[in-house]
Protein backbone atom coordinates (compact mmCIF):
# COMPACT_ATOMS: atom_id res chain seq x y z
CA MET A 1 114.04 111.29 113.33
CA LEU A 2 113.16 114.34 111.28
CA PRO A 3 109.55 115.57 111.32
CA ALA A 4 109.45 114.91 107.57
CA GLU A 5 110.41 111.28 108.17
CA GLN A 6 107.68 110.93 110.79
CA GLY A 7 105.17 112.52 108.44
CA LEU A 8 105.91 110.17 105.57
CA LEU A 9 105.98 107.09 107.81
CA TRP A 10 102.64 108.11 109.30
CA THR A 11 101.22 108.56 105.81
CA LEU A 12 102.41 105.12 104.69
CA ILE A 13 100.41 103.54 107.51
CA HIS A 14 97.31 105.74 107.65
CA ARG A 15 97.05 106.84 104.00
CA PRO A 16 98.89 104.13 102.06
CA VAL A 17 97.80 105.30 98.59
CA GLU A 18 99.22 108.76 99.28
CA GLY A 19 102.28 107.27 100.99
CA LEU A 20 103.10 104.97 98.07
CA ALA A 21 102.71 107.84 95.62
CA ALA A 22 105.09 109.94 97.72
CA VAL A 23 107.85 107.32 98.07
CA ALA A 24 107.64 106.69 94.32
CA GLN A 25 108.80 110.30 93.82
CA LEU A 26 111.96 109.87 95.88
CA ASP A 27 115.36 109.62 94.24
CA THR A 28 118.06 107.47 95.81
CA GLY A 29 120.01 110.55 96.93
CA ASP A 30 116.94 111.97 98.66
CA LEU A 31 117.23 109.23 101.28
CA ASP A 32 120.90 109.70 102.18
CA GLY A 33 121.36 110.27 105.87
CA LEU A 34 117.73 109.54 106.80
CA LEU A 35 117.07 107.23 109.73
CA ALA A 36 113.97 105.86 107.99
CA ALA A 37 115.65 105.39 104.58
CA PRO A 38 115.46 101.56 104.67
CA ILE A 39 111.73 101.76 105.38
CA PHE A 40 111.14 104.18 102.51
CA ARG A 41 113.18 101.97 100.15
CA LEU A 42 111.16 98.93 101.16
CA ALA A 43 107.88 100.81 100.77
CA ALA A 44 108.92 101.94 97.29
CA SER A 45 109.64 98.33 96.34
CA LEU A 46 106.09 97.40 97.41
CA SER A 47 104.43 99.71 94.89
CA GLU A 48 102.38 96.84 93.43
CA THR A 49 101.03 95.87 96.85
CA PRO A 50 97.33 96.65 97.35
CA PRO A 51 97.19 99.76 99.58
CA GLU A 52 94.85 98.14 102.09
CA VAL A 53 97.48 95.53 103.00
CA LEU A 54 100.57 97.72 102.65
CA PRO A 55 100.89 98.56 106.37
CA GLU A 56 100.81 94.86 107.33
CA VAL A 57 103.18 93.73 104.56
CA LEU A 58 105.57 96.58 105.34
CA ARG A 59 105.67 95.72 109.05
CA GLU A 60 106.27 92.02 108.29
CA ARG A 61 109.32 92.77 106.16
CA LEU A 62 111.01 95.23 108.52
CA SER A 63 113.59 94.44 111.15
CA GLU A 64 112.52 94.82 114.76
CA GLY A 65 114.22 98.22 115.06
CA GLU A 66 112.71 99.50 111.83
CA ARG A 67 109.27 98.25 112.85
CA SER A 68 109.63 100.06 116.18
CA LEU A 69 110.54 103.29 114.34
CA LEU A 70 107.56 102.90 112.01
CA ASP A 71 105.14 102.15 114.84
CA ARG A 72 106.39 105.11 116.87
CA ALA A 73 105.88 107.46 113.91
CA ALA A 74 102.48 105.98 113.07
CA SER A 75 101.22 106.27 116.65
CA ALA A 76 100.94 110.05 116.43
CA GLU A 77 97.49 111.59 116.07
CA ALA A 78 98.49 113.25 112.82
CA PRO A 79 101.53 113.46 110.56
CA ALA A 80 104.18 116.01 111.46
CA ALA A 81 104.08 117.17 107.84
CA ALA A 82 102.12 116.49 104.68
CA ALA A 83 103.61 113.91 102.31
CA THR A 84 104.41 116.49 99.63
CA ASP A 85 106.17 118.66 102.21
CA CYS A 86 108.16 115.62 103.35
CA ILE A 87 109.36 114.93 99.81
CA ASN A 88 110.38 118.57 99.36
CA THR A 89 112.25 118.49 102.67
CA PHE A 90 114.20 115.39 101.62
CA ARG A 91 115.05 117.00 98.29
CA ARG A 92 116.09 120.24 99.95
CA LEU A 93 118.37 118.33 102.33
CA ARG A 94 119.95 116.53 99.36
CA VAL A 95 120.65 119.83 97.59
CA GLU A 96 122.04 121.36 100.79
CA ARG A 97 124.41 118.38 101.19
CA ALA A 98 125.55 118.81 97.60
CA LEU A 99 126.18 122.53 98.20
CA VAL A 100 128.36 121.72 101.18
CA GLU A 101 130.33 119.21 99.09
CA VAL A 102 130.91 121.74 96.30
CA GLN A 103 132.04 124.41 98.76
CA GLU A 104 134.38 121.93 100.47
CA GLU A 105 135.88 121.06 97.07
CA ILE A 106 136.39 124.76 96.29
CA ASP A 107 138.03 125.29 99.68
CA ARG A 108 140.24 122.21 99.29
CA LEU A 109 141.49 123.25 95.86
CA GLN A 110 142.15 126.81 97.00
CA GLU A 111 144.11 125.61 100.05
CA ARG A 112 146.35 123.48 97.86
CA ALA A 113 146.66 126.21 95.25
CA GLU A 114 145.47 123.65 92.69
CA MET A 115 142.55 125.74 91.52
CA THR A 116 142.56 126.34 87.79
CA ASP A 117 140.24 128.85 86.20
CA GLU A 118 138.45 125.98 84.49
CA ALA A 119 137.97 124.02 87.71
CA LEU A 120 136.78 127.11 89.56
CA ALA A 121 134.32 127.98 86.79
CA ARG A 122 132.96 124.42 86.78
CA LEU A 123 132.50 124.37 90.56
CA TRP A 124 130.88 127.82 90.63
CA GLU A 125 128.44 126.76 87.88
CA ARG A 126 127.55 123.66 89.88
CA LYS A 127 127.10 125.78 92.99
CA LYS A 128 124.85 128.28 91.17
CA GLU A 129 122.74 125.42 89.79
CA LEU A 130 122.33 123.94 93.26
CA LEU A 131 121.37 127.36 94.65
CA ARG A 132 118.71 127.65 91.92
CA GLN A 133 117.37 124.21 92.84
CA LEU A 134 117.29 125.19 96.50
CA GLU A 135 115.39 128.37 95.67
CA VAL A 136 112.77 126.35 93.78
CA LEU A 137 112.41 123.90 96.68
CA ASN A 138 111.98 126.72 99.18
């Protein structure tokens, strides 16, 4: 589990108002590849739940493995990262994955000699946009 995942799970249990606000900011792609993604999705769906009962309701609706993951993260003395830092980490990871995909597509097209000037220009523009996003997130 990433420190950012632990931090956001901890926040959902110990500071549910802050935790709910944080998961509400997540996009679907932000959760790709995260061990705790199902927990964050469930927490986001509980946005109308009163914060004081969120930890209990969340635990009740999780599988045994997910509950174990949540409890392990929540047992720490403090979060590994602040909620806002966790969200930025998830977003940065999403952008980094997208960069890898664009570079792989460029490499694939060049290997097959199927790269047109138009395709290359489109991919390079996408790559530059992702690099700008990454710079903002850093």
